[in-house]
Amino acid sequence: MKHTQLLLKFSRSIMRSLSLVPDLAVVAEKKSPPPRKPKPSTRRELLLEALAAELLRAAGCHDLKVEVYWNSRLRTTAGLASWRDHAIYLNPRLMDVSQDEVQRTLRHELAHFLAQHRAGRRRIAAHGAEWKRACADLGIPRESRCHDLPFKRAKVARRYFYACPECGTQLARVRPLKRRVACLRCCRAHNHGQYHDRFRFVQIEPPKSIAA
């Protein structure tokens, strides 16, 4: 009997203490983002993903993880590197060209990850010196920034035009800019490569030749 009473008292004390402690599992679940669901148009490619990991290790990068997907929505683009998703998306039509082209495109896009990883938070040009160095380290020296594959390019009118208020550099976009974007040239020249509102692109009227 005494033993049973002691167990009951112990159980009640445990329940009281638990009621005073917040549910850490719920808090962590709220803070961590939900797992990304693969898009219906994508299919993960584990063999190329393993190859990417091996290439990164050979280049001296052991703590960068990248996923690889085939993306049927890519039409004219051979590949796409998404830093936000930590994923590389490849055009399935590459398989109709050659396996060598598949691997070259994988290395091309992987070089974007390697270059940015080495640069840290420093802003770099998409196909600048850092990217070219990464390409060489991944086995594709003298890589060009654009592919020359026989993919038909769709002609889409660019209706949104922007200009840098400092140097006048212009941008033409199919869709409007949804975030603040500044002129890289001016940011490098006047603000050590860091973003500044002074060089933020502002929308302008379309050129007369386009408007007509």
C-alpha atoms as a PDB file:
ATOM      1  CA  MET A   1       0.000   0.000   0.000  1.00  0.00           C
ATOM      2  CA  LYS A   2       2.728   2.460   0.977  1.00  0.00           C
ATOM      3  CA  HIS A   3       4.591   1.626  -2.189  1.00  0.00           C
ATOM      4  CA  THR A   4       1.486   2.359  -4.262  1.00  0.00           C
ATOM      5  CA  GLN A   5       0.911   5.682  -2.513  1.00  0.00           C
ATOM      6  CA  LEU A   6       4.506   6.695  -3.128  1.00  0.00           C
ATOM      7  CA  LEU A   7       4.113   5.936  -6.834  1.00  0.00           C
ATOM      8  CA  LEU A   8       0.930   8.010  -7.000  1.00  0.00           C
ATOM      9  CA  LYS A   9       2.600  10.983  -5.279  1.00  0.00           C
ATOM     10  CA  PHE A  10       5.579  10.682  -7.610  1.00  0.00           C
ATOM     11  CA  SER A  11       3.299  10.607 -10.675  1.00  0.00           C
ATOM     12  CA  ARG A  12       1.378  13.676  -9.496  1.00  0.00           C
ATOM     13  CA  SER A  13       4.624  15.603  -8.925  1.00  0.00           C
ATOM     14  CA  ILE A  14       5.829  14.706 -12.435  1.00  0.00           C
ATOM     15  CA  MET A  15       2.526  15.856 -13.966  1.00  0.00           C
ATOM     16  CA  ARG A  16       2.652  19.164 -12.063  1.00  0.00           C
ATOM     17  CA  SER A  17       6.229  19.802 -13.225  1.00  0.00           C
ATOM     18  CA  LEU A  18       5.332  19.008 -16.834  1.00  0.00           C
ATOM     19  CA  SER A  19       2.438  21.447 -16.724  1.00  0.00           C
ATOM     20  CA  LEU A  20       4.892  24.231 -15.865  1.00  0.00           C
ATOM     21  CA  VAL A  21       7.308  23.442 -18.717  1.00  0.00           C
ATOM     22  CA  PRO A  22       6.440  24.648 -22.239  1.00  0.00           C
ATOM     23  CA  ASP A  23       6.126  22.045 -24.967  1.00  0.00           C
ATOM     24  CA  LEU A  24       9.536  22.402 -26.615  1.00  0.00           C
ATOM     25  CA  ALA A  25       8.579  20.152 -29.505  1.00  0.00           C
ATOM     26  CA  VAL A  26       5.695  22.459 -30.459  1.00  0.00           C
ATOM     27  CA  VAL A  27       7.879  25.566 -30.182  1.00  0.00           C
ATOM     28  CA  ALA A  28      10.546  24.013 -32.383  1.00  0.00           C
ATOM     29  CA  GLU A  29       7.925  22.947 -34.885  1.00  0.00           C
ATOM     30  CA  LYS A  30       6.575  26.467 -35.117  1.00  0.00           C
ATOM     31  CA  LYS A  31      10.027  27.998 -35.561  1.00  0.00           C
ATOM     32  CA  SER A  32      11.363  25.555 -38.143  1.00  0.00           C
ATOM     33  CA  PRO A  33       9.964  25.895 -41.680  1.00  0.00           C
ATOM     34  CA  PRO A  34       7.859  23.043 -43.002  1.00  0.00           C
ATOM     35  CA  PRO A  35       9.687  20.549 -45.216  1.00  0.00           C
ATOM     36  CA  ARG A  36       9.761  21.575 -48.847  1.00  0.00           C
ATOM     37  CA  LYS A  37       7.461  19.483 -50.990  1.00  0.00           C
ATOM     38  CA  PRO A  38       8.827  18.554 -54.419  1.00  0.00           C
ATOM     39  CA  LYS A  39       7.012  20.250 -57.256  1.00  0.00           C
ATOM     40  CA  PRO A  40       4.904  18.052 -59.543  1.00  0.00           C
ATOM     41  CA  SER A  41       7.117  19.041 -62.478  1.00  0.00           C
ATOM     42  CA  THR A  42      10.342  17.904 -60.775  1.00  0.00           C
ATOM     43  CA  ARG A  43      11.938  14.517 -60.217  1.00  0.00           C
ATOM     44  CA  ARG A  44      14.896  14.030 -57.926  1.00  0.00           C
ATOM     45  CA  GLU A  45      18.053  12.517 -59.446  1.00  0.00           C
ATOM     46  CA  LEU A  46      20.074  10.780 -56.712  1.00  0.00           C
ATOM     47  CA  LEU A  47      22.918   9.605 -58.956  1.00  0.00           C
ATOM     48  CA  LEU A  48      23.711  13.128 -60.135  1.00  0.00           C
ATOM     49  CA  GLU A  49      23.263  14.354 -56.575  1.00  0.00           C
ATOM     50  CA  ALA A  50      25.944  11.901 -55.435  1.00  0.00           C
ATOM     51  CA  LEU A  51      28.188  13.074 -58.272  1.00  0.00           C
ATOM     52  CA  ALA A  52      27.689  16.692 -57.190  1.00  0.00           C
ATOM     53  CA  ALA A  53      28.682  15.817 -53.626  1.00  0.00           C
ATOM     54  CA  GLU A  54      31.818  14.059 -54.866  1.00  0.00           C
ATOM     55  CA  LEU A  55      32.755  17.024 -57.080  1.00  0.00           C
ATOM     56  CA  LEU A  56      32.354  19.440 -54.170  1.00  0.00           C
ATOM     57  CA  ARG A  57      34.534  17.275 -51.921  1.00  0.00           C
ATOM     58  CA  ALA A  58      37.197  17.090 -54.624  1.00  0.00           C
ATOM     59  CA  ALA A  59      37.133  20.904 -54.821  1.00  0.00           C
ATOM     60  CA  GLY A  60      37.710  21.135 -51.063  1.00  0.00           C
ATOM     61  CA  CYS A  61      34.106  21.912 -50.095  1.00  0.00           C
ATOM     62  CA  HIS A  62      32.856  19.331 -47.574  1.00  0.00           C
ATOM     63  CA  ASP A  63      29.968  21.156 -45.847  1.00  0.00           C
ATOM     64  CA  LEU A  64      27.771  22.152 -48.800  1.00  0.00           C
ATOM     65  CA  LYS A  65      24.765  19.982 -49.630  1.00  0.00           C
ATOM     66  CA  VAL A  66      22.969  20.363 -52.963  1.00  0.00           C
ATOM     67  CA  GLU A  67      19.960  18.446 -54.283  1.00  0.00           C
ATOM     68  CA  VAL A  68      19.528  17.721 -58.007  1.00  0.00           C
ATOM     69  CA  TYR A  69      16.199  17.566 -59.860  1.00  0.00           C
ATOM     70  CA  TRP A  70      14.960  17.134 -63.406  1.00  0.00           C
ATOM     71  CA  ASN A  71      12.508  19.949 -64.104  1.00  0.00           C
ATOM     72  CA  SER A  72      10.168  19.522 -67.060  1.00  0.00           C
ATOM     73  CA  ARG A  73       9.133  23.182 -66.862  1.00  0.00           C
ATOM     74  CA  LEU A  74      12.533  24.270 -68.165  1.00  0.00           C
ATOM     75  CA  ARG A  75      12.133  24.919 -71.875  1.00  0.00           C
ATOM     76  CA  THR A  76      15.028  26.961 -73.220  1.00  0.00           C
ATOM     77  CA  THR A  77      17.294  26.809 -70.159  1.00  0.00           C
ATOM     78  CA  ALA A  78      19.687  23.886 -69.772  1.00  0.00           C
ATOM     79  CA  GLY A  79      19.960  24.220 -66.005  1.00  0.00           C
ATOM     80  CA  LEU A  80      19.163  26.443 -63.062  1.00  0.00           C
ATOM     81  CA  ALA A  81      20.874  26.876 -59.682  1.00  0.00           C
ATOM     82  CA  SER A  82      18.524  27.901 -56.869  1.00  0.00           C
ATOM     83  CA  TRP A  83      20.406  29.060 -53.778  1.00  0.00           C
ATOM     84  CA  ARG A  84      17.129  29.444 -51.890  1.00  0.00           C
ATOM     85  CA  ASP A  85      16.232  25.762 -52.364  1.00  0.00           C
ATOM     86  CA  HIS A  86      19.843  24.564 -52.341  1.00  0.00           C
ATOM     87  CA  ALA A  87      18.910  22.695 -55.481  1.00  0.00           C
ATOM     88  CA  ILE A  88      19.993  22.376 -59.098  1.00  0.00           C
ATOM     89  CA  TYR A  89      17.271  21.948 -61.716  1.00  0.00           C
ATOM     90  CA  LEU A  90      18.168  20.349 -65.053  1.00  0.00           C
ATOM     91  CA  ASN A  91      16.282  20.309 -68.326  1.00  0.00           C
ATOM     92  CA  PRO A  92      15.242  16.698 -69.142  1.00  0.00           C
ATOM     93  CA  ARG A  93      15.972  17.394 -72.823  1.00  0.00           C
ATOM     94  CA  LEU A  94      19.675  17.289 -71.944  1.00  0.00           C
ATOM     95  CA  MET A  95      19.401  13.489 -71.952  1.00  0.00           C
ATOM     96  CA  ASP A  96      18.528  13.654 -75.645  1.00  0.00           C
ATOM     97  CA  VAL A  97      21.764  15.526 -76.332  1.00  0.00           C
ATOM     98  CA  SER A  98      24.385  13.448 -74.480  1.00  0.00           C
ATOM     99  CA  GLN A  99      25.472  12.289 -71.045  1.00  0.00           C
ATOM    100  CA  ASP A 100      28.525  14.536 -71.360  1.00  0.00           C
ATOM    101  CA  GLU A 101      26.218  17.535 -71.731  1.00  0.00           C
ATOM    102  CA  VAL A 102      24.254  16.479 -68.654  1.00  0.00           C
ATOM    103  CA  GLN A 103      27.418  16.378 -66.554  1.00  0.00           C
ATOM    104  CA  ARG A 104      28.781  19.618 -68.012  1.00  0.00           C
ATOM    105  CA  THR A 105      25.546  21.445 -67.196  1.00  0.00           C
ATOM    106  CA  LEU A 106      25.576  19.974 -63.693  1.00  0.00           C
ATOM    107  CA  ARG A 107      29.109  21.290 -63.126  1.00  0.00           C
ATOM    108  CA  HIS A 108      28.155  24.657 -64.625  1.00  0.00           C
ATOM    109  CA  GLU A 109      25.305  25.113 -62.148  1.00  0.00           C
ATOM    110  CA  LEU A 110      27.276  23.597 -59.276  1.00  0.00           C
ATOM    111  CA  ALA A 111      29.953  26.241 -59.842  1.00  0.00           C
ATOM    112  CA  HIS A 112      27.413  28.894 -58.820  1.00  0.00           C
ATOM    113  CA  PHE A 113      27.007  27.193 -55.459  1.00  0.00           C
ATOM    114  CA  LEU A 114      30.730  26.697 -54.948  1.00  0.00           C
ATOM    115  CA  ALA A 115      31.536  30.316 -55.854  1.00  0.00           C
ATOM    116  CA  GLN A 116      28.887  31.775 -53.540  1.00  0.00           C
ATOM    117  CA  HIS A 117      29.814  29.389 -50.713  1.00  0.00           C
ATOM    118  CA  ARG A 118      33.417  30.535 -50.901  1.00  0.00           C
ATOM    119  CA  ALA A 119      32.378  34.197 -51.024  1.00  0.00           C
ATOM    120  CA  GLY A 120      30.129  33.901 -47.963  1.00  0.00           C
ATOM    121  CA  ARG A 121      27.788  36.858 -47.672  1.00  0.00           C
ATOM    122  CA  ARG A 122      29.807  38.947 -50.087  1.00  0.00           C
ATOM    123  CA  ARG A 123      27.884  39.735 -53.244  1.00  0.00           C
ATOM    124  CA  ILE A 124      29.480  38.392 -56.428  1.00  0.00           C
ATOM    125  CA  ALA A 125      28.643  38.502 -60.114  1.00  0.00           C
ATOM    126  CA  ALA A 126      26.743  35.490 -61.422  1.00  0.00           C
ATOM    127  CA  HIS A 127      29.392  34.635 -64.026  1.00  0.00           C
ATOM    128  CA  GLY A 128      32.317  36.610 -62.641  1.00  0.00           C
ATOM    129  CA  ALA A 129      35.849  35.654 -61.648  1.00  0.00           C
ATOM    130  CA  GLU A 130      34.688  33.610 -58.645  1.00  0.00           C
ATOM    131  CA  TRP A 131      32.385  31.520 -60.820  1.00  0.00           C
ATOM    132  CA  LYS A 132      35.063  30.972 -63.469  1.00  0.00           C
ATOM    133  CA  ARG A 133      37.500  29.813 -60.777  1.00  0.00           C
ATOM    134  CA  ALA A 134      34.879  27.418 -59.434  1.00  0.00           C
ATOM    135  CA  CYS A 135      34.292  26.053 -62.947  1.00  0.00           C
ATOM    136  CA  ALA A 136      38.003  25.321 -63.289  1.00  0.00           C
ATOM    137  CA  ASP A 137      38.036  23.551 -59.923  1.00  0.00           C
ATOM    138  CA  LEU A 138      35.059  21.434 -61.022  1.00  0.00           C
ATOM    139  CA  GLY A 139      36.734  20.330 -64.231  1.00  0.00           C
ATOM    140  CA  ILE A 140      35.233  22.686 -66.827  1.00  0.00           C
ATOM    141  CA  PRO A 141      37.782  25.478 -67.400  1.00  0.00           C
ATOM    142  CA  ARG A 142      36.959  28.143 -69.999  1.00  0.00           C
ATOM    143  CA  GLU A 143      33.234  27.435 -69.520  1.00  0.00           C
ATOM    144  CA  SER A 144      30.945  29.929 -71.287  1.00  0.00           C
ATOM    145  CA  ARG A 145      28.150  31.637 -69.402  1.00  0.00           C
ATOM    146  CA  CYS A 146      25.446  30.515 -71.890  1.00  0.00           C
ATOM    147  CA  HIS A 147      24.812  27.158 -73.488  1.00  0.00           C
ATOM    148  CA  ASP A 148      24.656  26.644 -77.241  1.00  0.00           C
ATOM    149  CA  LEU A 149      22.201  23.734 -77.257  1.00  0.00           C
ATOM    150  CA  PRO A 150      19.476  23.513 -79.899  1.00  0.00           C
ATOM    151  CA  PHE A 151      16.636  24.517 -77.581  1.00  0.00           C
ATOM    152  CA  LYS A 152      14.079  26.757 -79.230  1.00  0.00           C
ATOM    153  CA  ARG A 153      13.775  30.034 -77.384  1.00  0.00           C
ATOM    154  CA  ALA A 154      10.346  31.487 -76.822  1.00  0.00           C
ATOM    155  CA  LYS A 155       9.995  35.153 -77.668  1.00  0.00           C
ATOM    156  CA  VAL A 156       8.484  36.926 -74.672  1.00  0.00           C
ATOM    157  CA  ALA A 157       7.964  40.667 -74.710  1.00  0.00           C
ATOM    158  CA  ARG A 158       9.720  42.622 -71.959  1.00  0.00           C
ATOM    159  CA  ARG A 159       7.264  45.178 -70.651  1.00  0.00           C
ATOM    160  CA  TYR A 160       8.946  46.455 -67.496  1.00  0.00           C
ATOM    161  CA  PHE A 161      11.947  48.748 -67.658  1.00  0.00           C
ATOM    162  CA  TYR A 162      14.140  50.063 -64.860  1.00  0.00           C
ATOM    163  CA  ALA A 163      17.130  52.375 -64.599  1.00  0.00           C
ATOM    164  CA  CYS A 164      19.827  53.118 -62.034  1.00  0.00           C
ATOM    165  CA  PRO A 165      19.407  56.739 -60.835  1.00  0.00           C
ATOM    166  CA  GLU A 166      23.184  57.083 -60.500  1.00  0.00           C
ATOM    167  CA  CYS A 167      24.694  55.745 -63.746  1.00  0.00           C
ATOM    168  CA  GLY A 168      21.612  55.187 -65.912  1.00  0.00           C
ATOM    169  CA  THR A 169      22.138  51.444 -66.430  1.00  0.00           C
ATOM    170  CA  GLN A 170      18.849  49.958 -67.624  1.00  0.00           C
ATOM    171  CA  LEU A 171      17.095  46.645 -67.001  1.00  0.00           C
ATOM    172  CA  ALA A 172      14.325  45.081 -69.074  1.00  0.00           C
ATOM    173  CA  ARG A 173      12.113  42.464 -67.454  1.00  0.00           C
ATOM    174  CA  VAL A 174       9.206  40.281 -68.500  1.00  0.00           C
ATOM    175  CA  ARG A 175       7.744  40.555 -64.984  1.00  0.00           C
ATOM    176  CA  PRO A 176       7.979  43.440 -62.519  1.00  0.00           C
ATOM    177  CA  LEU A 177      10.660  43.383 -59.823  1.00  0.00           C
ATOM    178  CA  LYS A 178       9.173  42.136 -56.559  1.00  0.00           C
ATOM    179  CA  ARG A 179      12.081  43.076 -54.316  1.00  0.00           C
ATOM    180  CA  ARG A 180      14.604  45.859 -53.979  1.00  0.00           C
ATOM    181  CA  VAL A 181      17.359  45.531 -56.568  1.00  0.00           C
ATOM    182  CA  ALA A 182      20.317  47.878 -56.850  1.00  0.00           C
ATOM    183  CA  CYS A 183      22.907  48.493 -59.555  1.00  0.00           C
ATOM    184  CA  LEU A 184      25.843  46.167 -58.908  1.00  0.00           C
ATOM    185  CA  ARG A 185      28.314  48.431 -60.694  1.00  0.00           C
ATOM    186  CA  CYS A 186      27.467  51.442 -58.543  1.00  0.00           C
ATOM    187  CA  CYS A 187      27.326  49.415 -55.330  1.00  0.00           C
ATOM    188  CA  ARG A 188      30.834  48.170 -56.028  1.00  0.00           C
ATOM    189  CA  ALA A 189      32.151  51.586 -56.974  1.00  0.00           C
ATOM    190  CA  HIS A 190      30.605  53.602 -54.133  1.00  0.00           C
ATOM    191  CA  ASN A 191      29.528  51.227 -51.328  1.00  0.00           C
ATOM    192  CA  HIS A 192      32.088  48.382 -51.189  1.00  0.00           C
ATOM    193  CA  GLY A 193      29.732  46.038 -53.025  1.00  0.00           C
ATOM    194  CA  GLN A 194      26.952  46.344 -50.450  1.00  0.00           C
ATOM    195  CA  TYR A 195      23.350  47.236 -51.230  1.00  0.00           C
ATOM    196  CA  HIS A 196      22.298  50.902 -50.921  1.00  0.00           C
ATOM    197  CA  ASP A 197      18.936  52.508 -51.715  1.00  0.00           C
ATOM    198  CA  ARG A 198      20.763  55.293 -53.525  1.00  0.00           C
ATOM    199  CA  PHE A 199      21.461  52.872 -56.385  1.00  0.00           C
ATOM    200  CA  ARG A 200      18.123  51.074 -56.341  1.00  0.00           C
ATOM    201  CA  PHE A 201      16.602  50.561 -59.802  1.00  0.00           C
ATOM    202  CA  VAL A 202      13.529  52.705 -60.425  1.00  0.00           C
ATOM    203  CA  GLN A 203      10.868  51.959 -62.998  1.00  0.00           C
ATOM    204  CA  ILE A 204      10.908  54.059 -66.163  1.00  0.00           C
ATOM    205  CA  GLU A 205       8.735  54.407 -69.246  1.00  0.00           C
ATOM    206  CA  PRO A 206       9.387  51.886 -72.026  1.00  0.00           C
ATOM    207  CA  PRO A 207      11.649  53.135 -74.832  1.00  0.00           C
ATOM    208  CA  LYS A 208       9.757  54.637 -77.765  1.00  0.00           C
ATOM    209  CA  SER A 209      10.838  51.865 -80.118  1.00  0.00           C
ATOM    210  CA  ILE A 210       9.403  49.281 -77.719  1.00  0.00           C
ATOM    211  CA  ALA A 211       6.254  51.251 -76.919  1.00  0.00           C
ATOM    212  CA  ALA A 212       5.451  51.681 -80.584  1.00  0.00           C
END
